[in-house]
C-alpha atoms as a PDB file:
ATOM      1  CA  UNK A   1       0.109   0.041  -0.105  1.00  0.00           C
ATOM      2  CA  UNK A   2       1.455   3.249  -0.997  1.00  0.00           C
ATOM      3  CA  UNK A   3       0.354   6.840  -2.373  1.00  0.00           C
ATOM      4  CA  UNK A   4       0.448   5.739  -5.897  1.00  0.00           C
ATOM      5  CA  UNK A   5      -1.817   2.783  -5.275  1.00  0.00           C
ATOM      6  CA  UNK A   6      -4.323   5.143  -3.367  1.00  0.00           C
ATOM      7  CA  UNK A   7      -4.432   7.501  -6.127  1.00  0.00           C
ATOM      8  CA  UNK A   8      -5.189   4.854  -8.329  1.00  0.00           C
ATOM      9  CA  UNK A   9      -8.151   3.521  -6.204  1.00  0.00           C
ATOM     10  CA  UNK A  10      -9.328   7.029  -5.752  1.00  0.00           C
ATOM     11  CA  UNK A  11      -9.297   7.677  -9.557  1.00  0.00           C
ATOM     12  CA  UNK A  12     -11.484   4.648  -9.708  1.00  0.00           C
ATOM     13  CA  UNK A  13     -13.973   5.768  -7.244  1.00  0.00           C
ATOM     14  CA  UNK A  14     -14.212   9.144  -9.001  1.00  0.00           C
ATOM     15  CA  UNK A  15     -14.168   8.094 -12.778  1.00  0.00           C
ATOM     16  CA  UNK A  16     -15.753   4.716 -12.699  1.00  0.00           C
ATOM     17  CA  UNK A  17     -18.013   4.663  -9.528  1.00  0.00           C
ATOM     18  CA  UNK A  18     -18.994   8.398  -9.716  1.00  0.00           C
ATOM     19  CA  UNK A  19     -18.887   8.610  -6.066  1.00  0.00           C
ATOM     20  CA  UNK A  20     -19.498  12.422  -4.514  1.00  0.00           C
ATOM     21  CA  UNK A  21     -16.695  14.591  -3.622  1.00  0.00           C
ATOM     22  CA  UNK A  22     -17.419  14.277   0.183  1.00  0.00           C
ATOM     23  CA  UNK A  23     -17.317  10.454   0.160  1.00  0.00           C
ATOM     24  CA  UNK A  24     -14.120  10.223  -2.078  1.00  0.00           C
ATOM     25  CA  UNK A  25     -12.567  12.777   0.523  1.00  0.00           C
ATOM     26  CA  UNK A  26     -13.386  10.592   3.445  1.00  0.00           C
ATOM     27  CA  UNK A  27     -11.960   7.443   1.745  1.00  0.00           C
ATOM     28  CA  UNK A  28      -8.715   9.263   0.952  1.00  0.00           C
ATOM     29  CA  UNK A  29      -8.478  10.666   4.462  1.00  0.00           C
ATOM     30  CA  UNK A  30      -8.891   7.222   6.093  1.00  0.00           C
ATOM     31  CA  UNK A  31      -6.689   5.322   3.806  1.00  0.00           C
ATOM     32  CA  UNK A  32      -3.984   7.874   4.528  1.00  0.00           C
ATOM     33  CA  UNK A  33      -4.522   7.406   8.168  1.00  0.00           C
ATOM     34  CA  UNK A  34      -3.752   3.800   7.698  1.00  0.00           C
ATOM     35  CA  UNK A  35      -0.695   4.565   5.543  1.00  0.00           C
ATOM     36  CA  UNK A  36       0.702   6.804   8.106  1.00  0.00           C
ATOM     37  CA  UNK A  37       0.174   4.214  10.852  1.00  0.00           C
ATOM     38  CA  UNK A  38       1.850   1.500   8.715  1.00  0.00           C
ATOM     39  CA  UNK A  39       4.732   3.576   7.205  1.00  0.00           C
ATOM     40  CA  UNK A  40       7.355   1.399   8.926  1.00  0.00           C
ATOM     41  CA  UNK A  41       6.006  -1.741   7.209  1.00  0.00           C
ATOM     42  CA  UNK A  42       5.934  -2.626   3.381  1.00  0.00           C
ATOM     43  CA  UNK A  43       3.421  -5.030   3.580  1.00  0.00           C
ATOM     44  CA  UNK A  44      -0.295  -5.086   4.944  1.00  0.00           C
ATOM     45  CA  UNK A  45      -1.403  -8.377   6.493  1.00  0.00           C
ATOM     46  CA  UNK A  46      -3.804  -9.373   9.242  1.00  0.00           C
ATOM     47  CA  UNK A  47      -1.476  -8.508  12.107  1.00  0.00           C
ATOM     48  CA  UNK A  48      -0.888  -5.146  11.018  1.00  0.00           C
ATOM     49  CA  UNK A  49      -4.818  -4.470  10.543  1.00  0.00           C
ATOM     50  CA  UNK A  50      -5.440  -6.005  13.981  1.00  0.00           C
ATOM     51  CA  UNK A  51      -2.717  -3.518  15.522  1.00  0.00           C
ATOM     52  CA  UNK A  52      -4.482  -0.771  13.661  1.00  0.00           C
ATOM     53  CA  UNK A  53      -7.721  -1.775  14.995  1.00  0.00           C
ATOM     54  CA  UNK A  54      -6.240  -1.832  18.515  1.00  0.00           C
ATOM     55  CA  UNK A  55      -4.582   1.616  17.897  1.00  0.00           C
ATOM     56  CA  UNK A  56      -8.068   3.001  17.112  1.00  0.00           C
ATOM     57  CA  UNK A  57      -9.705   1.486  20.263  1.00  0.00           C
ATOM     58  CA  UNK A  58      -6.777   2.915  22.536  1.00  0.00           C
ATOM     59  CA  UNK A  59      -7.385   6.462  20.533  1.00  0.00           C
ATOM     60  CA  UNK A  60     -10.867   5.940  21.815  1.00  0.00           C
ATOM     61  CA  UNK A  61     -12.190   6.328  18.379  1.00  0.00           C
ATOM     62  CA  UNK A  62     -16.200   5.612  18.386  1.00  0.00           C
ATOM     63  CA  UNK A  63     -17.270   2.535  16.652  1.00  0.00           C
ATOM     64  CA  UNK A  64     -18.909   4.250  13.886  1.00  0.00           C
ATOM     65  CA  UNK A  65     -15.660   5.922  12.999  1.00  0.00           C
ATOM     66  CA  UNK A  66     -13.673   2.539  13.353  1.00  0.00           C
ATOM     67  CA  UNK A  67     -16.189   0.969  10.923  1.00  0.00           C
ATOM     68  CA  UNK A  68     -15.569   3.857   8.446  1.00  0.00           C
ATOM     69  CA  UNK A  69     -12.052   3.295   8.517  1.00  0.00           C
ATOM     70  CA  UNK A  70     -12.276  -0.410   8.186  1.00  0.00           C
ATOM     71  CA  UNK A  71     -14.934  -0.054   5.318  1.00  0.00           C
ATOM     72  CA  UNK A  72     -12.510   2.250   3.469  1.00  0.00           C
ATOM     73  CA  UNK A  73      -9.748  -0.445   3.878  1.00  0.00           C
ATOM     74  CA  UNK A  74     -12.045  -3.224   2.679  1.00  0.00           C
ATOM     75  CA  UNK A  75     -13.149  -1.097  -0.297  1.00  0.00           C
ATOM     76  CA  UNK A  76      -9.513  -0.545  -1.255  1.00  0.00           C
ATOM     77  CA  UNK A  77      -8.332  -4.212  -0.892  1.00  0.00           C
ATOM     78  CA  UNK A  78     -11.281  -5.357  -2.671  1.00  0.00           C
ATOM     79  CA  UNK A  79     -10.541  -3.113  -5.587  1.00  0.00           C
ATOM     80  CA  UNK A  80      -7.177  -4.636  -5.949  1.00  0.00           C
ATOM     81  CA  UNK A  81      -8.136  -8.251  -5.337  1.00  0.00           C
ATOM     82  CA  UNK A  82     -10.842  -7.880  -8.039  1.00  0.00           C
ATOM     83  CA  UNK A  83      -8.403  -5.848 -10.633  1.00  0.00           C
ATOM     84  CA  UNK A  84      -5.048  -7.802  -9.774  1.00  0.00           C
ATOM     85  CA  UNK A  85      -6.208 -10.763  -8.103  1.00  0.00           C
ATOM     86  CA  UNK A  86      -4.279  -9.764  -4.997  1.00  0.00           C
ATOM     87  CA  UNK A  87      -5.888 -11.363  -1.702  1.00  0.00           C
ATOM     88  CA  UNK A  88      -7.156  -9.095   0.370  1.00  0.00           C
ATOM     89  CA  UNK A  89      -5.995  -9.284   4.033  1.00  0.00           C
ATOM     90  CA  UNK A  90      -9.563  -7.998   5.476  1.00  0.00           C
ATOM     91  CA  UNK A  91     -11.172 -11.578   5.461  1.00  0.00           C
ATOM     92  CA  UNK A  92     -11.116 -11.841   9.108  1.00  0.00           C
ATOM     93  CA  UNK A  93     -11.397  -8.337  10.210  1.00  0.00           C
ATOM     94  CA  UNK A  94     -14.848  -7.627  11.464  1.00  0.00           C
ATOM     95  CA  UNK A  95     -16.477  -4.156  12.167  1.00  0.00           C
ATOM     96  CA  UNK A  96     -17.268  -3.333  15.703  1.00  0.00           C
ATOM     97  CA  UNK A  97     -21.002  -4.264  16.587  1.00  0.00           C
ATOM     98  CA  UNK A  98     -22.887  -0.706  16.445  1.00  0.00           C
ATOM     99  CA  UNK A  99     -24.864   0.613  19.376  1.00  0.00           C
ATOM    100  CA  UNK A 100     -28.650   0.967  18.216  1.00  0.00           C
ATOM    101  CA  UNK A 101     -28.977   4.897  18.228  1.00  0.00           C
ATOM    102  CA  UNK A 102     -32.205   6.419  16.791  1.00  0.00           C
ATOM    103  CA  UNK A 103     -31.649   9.686  14.906  1.00  0.00           C
ATOM    104  CA  UNK A 104     -32.513  12.824  16.674  1.00  0.00           C
ATOM    105  CA  UNK A 105     -35.630  14.840  15.349  1.00  0.00           C
ATOM    106  CA  UNK A 106     -37.565  17.813  16.259  1.00  0.00           C
ATOM    107  CA  UNK A 107     -41.203  18.514  17.254  1.00  0.00           C
ATOM    108  CA  UNK A 108     -43.657  20.533  14.812  1.00  0.00           C
ATOM    109  CA  UNK A 109     -43.453  23.283  17.356  1.00  0.00           C
ATOM    110  CA  UNK A 110     -39.493  23.361  17.339  1.00  0.00           C
ATOM    111  CA  UNK A 111     -39.514  23.209  13.339  1.00  0.00           C
ATOM    112  CA  UNK A 112     -41.738  26.380  13.373  1.00  0.00           C
ATOM    113  CA  UNK A 113     -39.726  28.095  15.823  1.00  0.00           C
ATOM    114  CA  UNK A 114     -36.582  27.416  14.024  1.00  0.00           C
ATOM    115  CA  UNK A 115     -37.945  28.248  10.475  1.00  0.00           C
ATOM    116  CA  UNK A 116     -39.265  31.617  11.556  1.00  0.00           C
ATOM    117  CA  UNK A 117     -36.150  32.186  13.974  1.00  0.00           C
ATOM    118  CA  UNK A 118     -33.857  34.161  11.773  1.00  0.00           C
ATOM    119  CA  UNK A 119     -33.581  37.793  12.860  1.00  0.00           C
ATOM    120  CA  UNK A 120     -35.808  40.075  10.538  1.00  0.00           C
ATOM    121  CA  UNK A 121     -33.435  42.785  10.731  1.00  0.00           C
ATOM    122  CA  UNK A 122     -30.322  40.552   9.399  1.00  0.00           C
ATOM    123  CA  UNK A 123     -29.732  41.249   5.707  1.00  0.00           C
ATOM    124  CA  UNK A 124     -29.596  37.632   4.942  1.00  0.00           C
ATOM    125  CA  UNK A 125     -33.099  36.983   6.782  1.00  0.00           C
ATOM    126  CA  UNK A 126     -34.926  35.854   3.451  1.00  0.00           C
ATOM    127  CA  UNK A 127     -32.077  33.523   2.572  1.00  0.00           C
ATOM    128  CA  UNK A 128     -31.867  31.824   5.958  1.00  0.00           C
ATOM    129  CA  UNK A 129     -35.359  31.103   6.324  1.00  0.00           C
ATOM    130  CA  UNK A 130     -35.722  29.894   2.726  1.00  0.00           C
ATOM    131  CA  UNK A 131     -32.713  27.543   3.649  1.00  0.00           C
ATOM    132  CA  UNK A 132     -34.254  26.184   6.677  1.00  0.00           C
ATOM    133  CA  UNK A 133     -37.666  25.768   4.830  1.00  0.00           C
ATOM    134  CA  UNK A 134     -35.944  23.934   1.953  1.00  0.00           C
ATOM    135  CA  UNK A 135     -33.997  21.394   4.223  1.00  0.00           C
ATOM    136  CA  UNK A 136     -37.395  20.758   6.128  1.00  0.00           C
ATOM    137  CA  UNK A 137     -39.733  20.787   3.096  1.00  0.00           C
ATOM    138  CA  UNK A 138     -37.654  18.568   0.847  1.00  0.00           C
ATOM    139  CA  UNK A 139     -35.379  16.547   3.325  1.00  0.00           C
ATOM    140  CA  UNK A 140     -32.596  17.098   1.090  1.00  0.00           C
ATOM    141  CA  UNK A 141     -28.693  16.837   2.347  1.00  0.00           C
ATOM    142  CA  UNK A 142     -27.015  19.851   2.964  1.00  0.00           C
ATOM    143  CA  UNK A 143     -24.453  18.725   0.230  1.00  0.00           C
ATOM    144  CA  UNK A 144     -27.222  18.682  -2.085  1.00  0.00           C
ATOM    145  CA  UNK A 145     -28.823  21.958  -1.232  1.00  0.00           C
ATOM    146  CA  UNK A 146     -25.510  24.015  -1.626  1.00  0.00           C
ATOM    147  CA  UNK A 147     -25.127  22.746  -5.064  1.00  0.00           C
ATOM    148  CA  UNK A 148     -29.044  23.625  -6.432  1.00  0.00           C
ATOM    149  CA  UNK A 149     -28.793  25.998  -9.325  1.00  0.00           C
ATOM    150  CA  UNK A 150     -31.473  28.355 -10.383  1.00  0.00           C
ATOM    151  CA  UNK A 151     -31.963  26.267 -13.680  1.00  0.00           C
ATOM    152  CA  UNK A 152     -32.823  23.292 -11.291  1.00  0.00           C
ATOM    153  CA  UNK A 153     -35.829  24.725 -10.066  1.00  0.00           C
ATOM    154  CA  UNK A 154     -39.279  24.280 -11.757  1.00  0.00           C
ATOM    155  CA  UNK A 155     -41.522  26.958 -10.016  1.00  0.00           C
ATOM    156  CA  UNK A 156     -44.615  25.981 -11.977  1.00  0.00           C
ATOM    157  CA  UNK A 157     -44.365  22.305 -10.889  1.00  0.00           C
ATOM    158  CA  UNK A 158     -42.637  23.219  -7.568  1.00  0.00           C
ATOM    159  CA  UNK A 159     -39.847  20.704  -8.150  1.00  0.00           C
ATOM    160  CA  UNK A 160     -36.174  20.919  -7.836  1.00  0.00           C
ATOM    161  CA  UNK A 161     -33.901  18.638  -9.665  1.00  0.00           C
ATOM    162  CA  UNK A 162     -30.768  17.509  -7.663  1.00  0.00           C
ATOM    163  CA  UNK A 163     -27.810  15.106  -8.123  1.00  0.00           C
ATOM    164  CA  UNK A 164     -27.796  12.948  -4.972  1.00  0.00           C
ATOM    165  CA  UNK A 165     -24.962  10.280  -3.707  1.00  0.00           C
ATOM    166  CA  UNK A 166     -23.380   8.585  -6.565  1.00  0.00           C
ATOM    167  CA  UNK A 167     -24.492  11.473  -8.857  1.00  0.00           C
ATOM    168  CA  UNK A 168     -28.184  10.082  -9.073  1.00  0.00           C
ATOM    169  CA  UNK A 169     -30.438  12.335 -10.329  1.00  0.00           C
ATOM    170  CA  UNK A 170     -33.768  12.914  -8.301  1.00  0.00           C
ATOM    171  CA  UNK A 171     -36.518  15.305  -7.831  1.00  0.00           C
ATOM    172  CA  UNK A 172     -37.529  17.266  -4.520  1.00  0.00           C
ATOM    173  CA  UNK A 173     -41.040  18.335  -3.980  1.00  0.00           C
ATOM    174  CA  UNK A 174     -42.141  21.170  -1.985  1.00  0.00           C
ATOM    175  CA  UNK A 175     -45.476  22.942  -1.126  1.00  0.00           C
ATOM    176  CA  UNK A 176     -47.222  26.292  -0.492  1.00  0.00           C
ATOM    177  CA  UNK A 177     -44.718  27.444   2.232  1.00  0.00           C
ATOM    178  CA  UNK A 178     -41.344  26.823   0.503  1.00  0.00           C
ATOM    179  CA  UNK A 179     -42.879  28.027  -2.722  1.00  0.00           C
ATOM    180  CA  UNK A 180     -43.547  31.582  -1.051  1.00  0.00           C
ATOM    181  CA  UNK A 181     -40.121  31.630   0.501  1.00  0.00           C
ATOM    182  CA  UNK A 182     -38.378  30.740  -2.589  1.00  0.00           C
ATOM    183  CA  UNK A 183     -40.224  33.394  -4.767  1.00  0.00           C
ATOM    184  CA  UNK A 184     -39.385  36.059  -1.995  1.00  0.00           C
ATOM    185  CA  UNK A 185     -35.633  35.040  -1.890  1.00  0.00           C
ATOM    186  CA  UNK A 186     -35.141  34.686  -5.862  1.00  0.00           C
ATOM    187  CA  UNK A 187     -36.521  38.567  -6.022  1.00  0.00           C
ATOM    188  CA  UNK A 188     -33.777  39.515  -3.414  1.00  0.00           C
ATOM    189  CA  UNK A 189     -30.989  37.287  -4.575  1.00  0.00           C
ATOM    190  CA  UNK A 190     -29.557  39.649  -7.223  1.00  0.00           C
ATOM    191  CA  UNK A 191     -28.947  41.949  -4.327  1.00  0.00           C
ATOM    192  CA  UNK A 192     -26.830  39.209  -2.629  1.00  0.00           C
ATOM    193  CA  UNK A 193     -24.874  38.480  -5.462  1.00  0.00           C
ATOM    194  CA  UNK A 194     -22.779  41.664  -5.472  1.00  0.00           C
ATOM    195  CA  UNK A 195     -20.193  41.249  -8.319  1.00  0.00           C
ATOM    196  CA  UNK A 196     -20.398  37.536  -8.570  1.00  0.00           C
ATOM    197  CA  UNK A 197     -22.117  35.892 -11.616  1.00  0.00           C
ATOM    198  CA  UNK A 198     -23.226  32.207 -10.929  1.00  0.00           C
ATOM    199  CA  UNK A 199     -26.131  30.136 -10.942  1.00  0.00           C
ATOM    200  CA  UNK A 200     -26.142  28.746  -7.485  1.00  0.00           C
ATOM    201  CA  UNK A 201     -29.272  29.373  -5.671  1.00  0.00           C
ATOM    202  CA  UNK A 202     -27.970  30.160  -2.181  1.00  0.00           C
ATOM    203  CA  UNK A 203     -25.131  32.498  -1.542  1.00  0.00           C
ATOM    204  CA  UNK A 204     -22.997  33.457   1.282  1.00  0.00           C
ATOM    205  CA  UNK A 205     -22.470  37.216   2.662  1.00  0.00           C
ATOM    206  CA  UNK A 206     -19.844  37.751  -0.336  1.00  0.00           C
ATOM    207  CA  UNK A 207     -22.059  36.631  -2.992  1.00  0.00           C
ATOM    208  CA  UNK A 208     -20.213  33.249  -3.616  1.00  0.00           C
ATOM    209  CA  UNK A 209     -22.007  29.809  -3.374  1.00  0.00           C
ATOM    210  CA  UNK A 210     -22.842  29.160   0.194  1.00  0.00           C
ATOM    211  CA  UNK A 211     -20.928  26.148   1.816  1.00  0.00           C
ATOM    212  CA  UNK A 212     -22.179  23.680   4.227  1.00  0.00           C
ATOM    213  CA  UNK A 213     -20.343  25.263   7.318  1.00  0.00           C
ATOM    214  CA  UNK A 214     -21.843  28.674   6.591  1.00  0.00           C
ATOM    215  CA  UNK A 215     -25.487  26.846   6.869  1.00  0.00           C
ATOM    216  CA  UNK A 216     -24.333  24.700  10.101  1.00  0.00           C
ATOM    217  CA  UNK A 217     -23.359  27.790  11.763  1.00  0.00           C
ATOM    218  CA  UNK A 218     -26.538  29.834  10.914  1.00  0.00           C
ATOM    219  CA  UNK A 219     -28.405  27.011  11.997  1.00  0.00           C
ATOM    220  CA  UNK A 220     -26.767  26.717  15.689  1.00  0.00           C
ATOM    221  CA  UNK A 221     -27.234  30.526  15.731  1.00  0.00           C
ATOM    222  CA  UNK A 222     -30.721  30.559  15.103  1.00  0.00           C
ATOM    223  CA  UNK A 223     -31.349  27.496  17.301  1.00  0.00           C
ATOM    224  CA  UNK A 224     -29.959  29.100  20.143  1.00  0.00           C
ATOM    225  CA  UNK A 225     -31.905  32.447  19.635  1.00  0.00           C
ATOM    226  CA  UNK A 226     -35.313  30.439  19.673  1.00  0.00           C
ATOM    227  CA  UNK A 227     -34.276  28.479  22.738  1.00  0.00           C
ATOM    228  CA  UNK A 228     -33.881  24.927  21.239  1.00  0.00           C
ATOM    229  CA  UNK A 229     -31.698  23.095  23.699  1.00  0.00           C
ATOM    230  CA  UNK A 230     -31.152  20.181  21.583  1.00  0.00           C
ATOM    231  CA  UNK A 231     -28.591  19.594  18.509  1.00  0.00           C
ATOM    232  CA  UNK A 232     -29.731  21.248  15.509  1.00  0.00           C
ATOM    233  CA  UNK A 233     -28.198  20.540  12.275  1.00  0.00           C
ATOM    234  CA  UNK A 234     -29.237  20.050   8.421  1.00  0.00           C
ATOM    235  CA  UNK A 235     -29.124  16.116   9.046  1.00  0.00           C
ATOM    236  CA  UNK A 236     -31.493  16.697  11.890  1.00  0.00           C
ATOM    237  CA  UNK A 237     -33.916  18.500   9.776  1.00  0.00           C
ATOM    238  CA  UNK A 238     -33.527  15.759   7.337  1.00  0.00           C
ATOM    239  CA  UNK A 239     -34.283  12.858  10.018  1.00  0.00           C
ATOM    240  CA  UNK A 240     -37.308  15.393  11.055  1.00  0.00           C
ATOM    241  CA  UNK A 241     -38.619  15.519   7.455  1.00  0.00           C
ATOM    242  CA  UNK A 242     -38.824  11.523   7.307  1.00  0.00           C
ATOM    243  CA  UNK A 243     -40.289  11.034  10.738  1.00  0.00           C
ATOM    244  CA  UNK A 244     -42.719  13.353  10.277  1.00  0.00           C
ATOM    245  CA  UNK A 245     -43.886  12.099   6.912  1.00  0.00           C
ATOM    246  CA  UNK A 246     -44.142   8.480   8.431  1.00  0.00           C
ATOM    247  CA  UNK A 247     -46.063   9.841  11.350  1.00  0.00           C
ATOM    248  CA  UNK A 248     -48.678  11.362   8.910  1.00  0.00           C
ATOM    249  CA  UNK A 249     -49.109   7.822   7.406  1.00  0.00           C
ATOM    250  CA  UNK A 250     -46.612   8.065   4.415  1.00  0.00           C
ATOM    251  CA  UNK A 251     -45.573   4.594   3.041  1.00  0.00           C
ATOM    252  CA  UNK A 252     -42.061   3.756   3.765  1.00  0.00           C
ATOM    253  CA  UNK A 253     -41.048   3.040   0.263  1.00  0.00           C
ATOM    254  CA  UNK A 254     -42.332   6.367  -0.717  1.00  0.00           C
ATOM    255  CA  UNK A 255     -40.268   7.996   1.943  1.00  0.00           C
ATOM    256  CA  UNK A 256     -37.158   5.964   0.705  1.00  0.00           C
ATOM    257  CA  UNK A 257     -37.498   7.431  -2.636  1.00  0.00           C
ATOM    258  CA  UNK A 258     -37.924  11.033  -1.240  1.00  0.00           C
ATOM    259  CA  UNK A 259     -34.731  10.601   0.802  1.00  0.00           C
ATOM    260  CA  UNK A 260     -32.758   9.174  -1.920  1.00  0.00           C
ATOM    261  CA  UNK A 261     -31.785   5.962  -0.184  1.00  0.00           C
ATOM    262  CA  UNK A 262     -30.516   3.115  -2.355  1.00  0.00           C
ATOM    263  CA  UNK A 263     -31.427   0.535   0.474  1.00  0.00           C
ATOM    264  CA  UNK A 264     -34.697   0.263   2.197  1.00  0.00           C
ATOM    265  CA  UNK A 265     -32.844  -0.709   5.319  1.00  0.00           C
ATOM    266  CA  UNK A 266     -31.324   2.815   5.651  1.00  0.00           C
ATOM    267  CA  UNK A 267     -34.975   4.105   5.851  1.00  0.00           C
ATOM    268  CA  UNK A 268     -36.294   1.744   8.201  1.00  0.00           C
ATOM    269  CA  UNK A 269     -34.701   3.213  11.043  1.00  0.00           C
ATOM    270  CA  UNK A 270     -37.383   5.829  10.864  1.00  0.00           C
ATOM    271  CA  UNK A 271     -40.109   3.178  11.486  1.00  0.00           C
ATOM    272  CA  UNK A 272     -38.441   2.667  14.962  1.00  0.00           C
ATOM    273  CA  UNK A 273     -38.671   6.481  15.698  1.00  0.00           C
ATOM    274  CA  UNK A 274     -42.423   6.391  14.730  1.00  0.00           C
ATOM    275  CA  UNK A 275     -43.301   3.356  16.670  1.00  0.00           C
ATOM    276  CA  UNK A 276     -41.458   5.028  19.887  1.00  0.00           C
ATOM    277  CA  UNK A 277     -43.720   8.227  18.978  1.00  0.00           C
ATOM    278  CA  UNK A 278     -46.949   6.253  18.903  1.00  0.00           C
ATOM    279  CA  UNK A 279     -46.013   4.380  21.933  1.00  0.00           C
ATOM    280  CA  UNK A 280     -45.535   7.723  23.845  1.00  0.00           C
ATOM    281  CA  UNK A 281     -48.711   8.886  22.674  1.00  0.00           C
ATOM    282  CA  UNK A 282     -50.451   5.713  23.891  1.00  0.00           C
ATOM    283  CA  UNK A 283     -48.865   6.062  27.128  1.00  0.00           C
ATOM    284  CA  UNK A 284     -49.959   9.443  27.570  1.00  0.00           C
ATOM    285  CA  UNK A 285     -53.330   9.379  26.395  1.00  0.00           C
ATOM    286  CA  UNK A 286     -54.898   5.909  26.703  1.00  0.00           C
ATOM    287  CA  UNK A 287     -56.755   5.647  30.239  1.00  0.00           C
ATOM    288  CA  UNK A 288     -55.536   2.154  30.881  1.00  0.00           C
ATOM    289  CA  UNK A 289     -51.910   2.790  29.766  1.00  0.00           C
END
């Protein structure tokens, strides 16, 4: 394993598998971490992988982080086994068993407070409230949101075309509330652009394409302002979107399509959330509960 081989693998993920930029960065970072750990050894075998696993445990990496590192290594070695018939040393390396954690989501009241929370006196108020409404109304990922362009929006049919994970195209649907905020923001957007000239929907204070860090920082600021004590992030709004759809009676296969999940298993965690919600409602309302 060396820099050249990692580059070959990354090129494969980029050009053949069409993985997203964020996913590719994660693979590259994980593989380089192992390369640094293994720099005094030419070969990678079971013993070196076990040593790396122990190293991650000693550093108190979370189970999720350890699993991601191992998955990156497994994909790397599987590629070379397939292309060059070099046997993978990962055969007996098992990912740590994950703790079952249900995604956090907001209540209906908290969503309303958050979306209407940006300061009216702030010059970016329209942009911020539109971003928050877009995240909740469409359930899109923040990486998808920052790449939305004006040409992707169909105002008449209220749809937004995006490229999701693996550069797979799908459509986001939205209703009256986002429609109103979006039209208000689009009228104001030319003022935000300043001297910049691009087609990205959401811009930062300098008129350039907004970044996900800007959005996270804005959300944390608004959540603190309106008194939401729990963690608020773009992904929390995505969890909230899915949970509220299921609570309202949406079919899980439909939610899978709307979220852009390739595997139904990924979506099924939201049924556990909905079941827990129903249990709480029952316990709080039924006279014999």
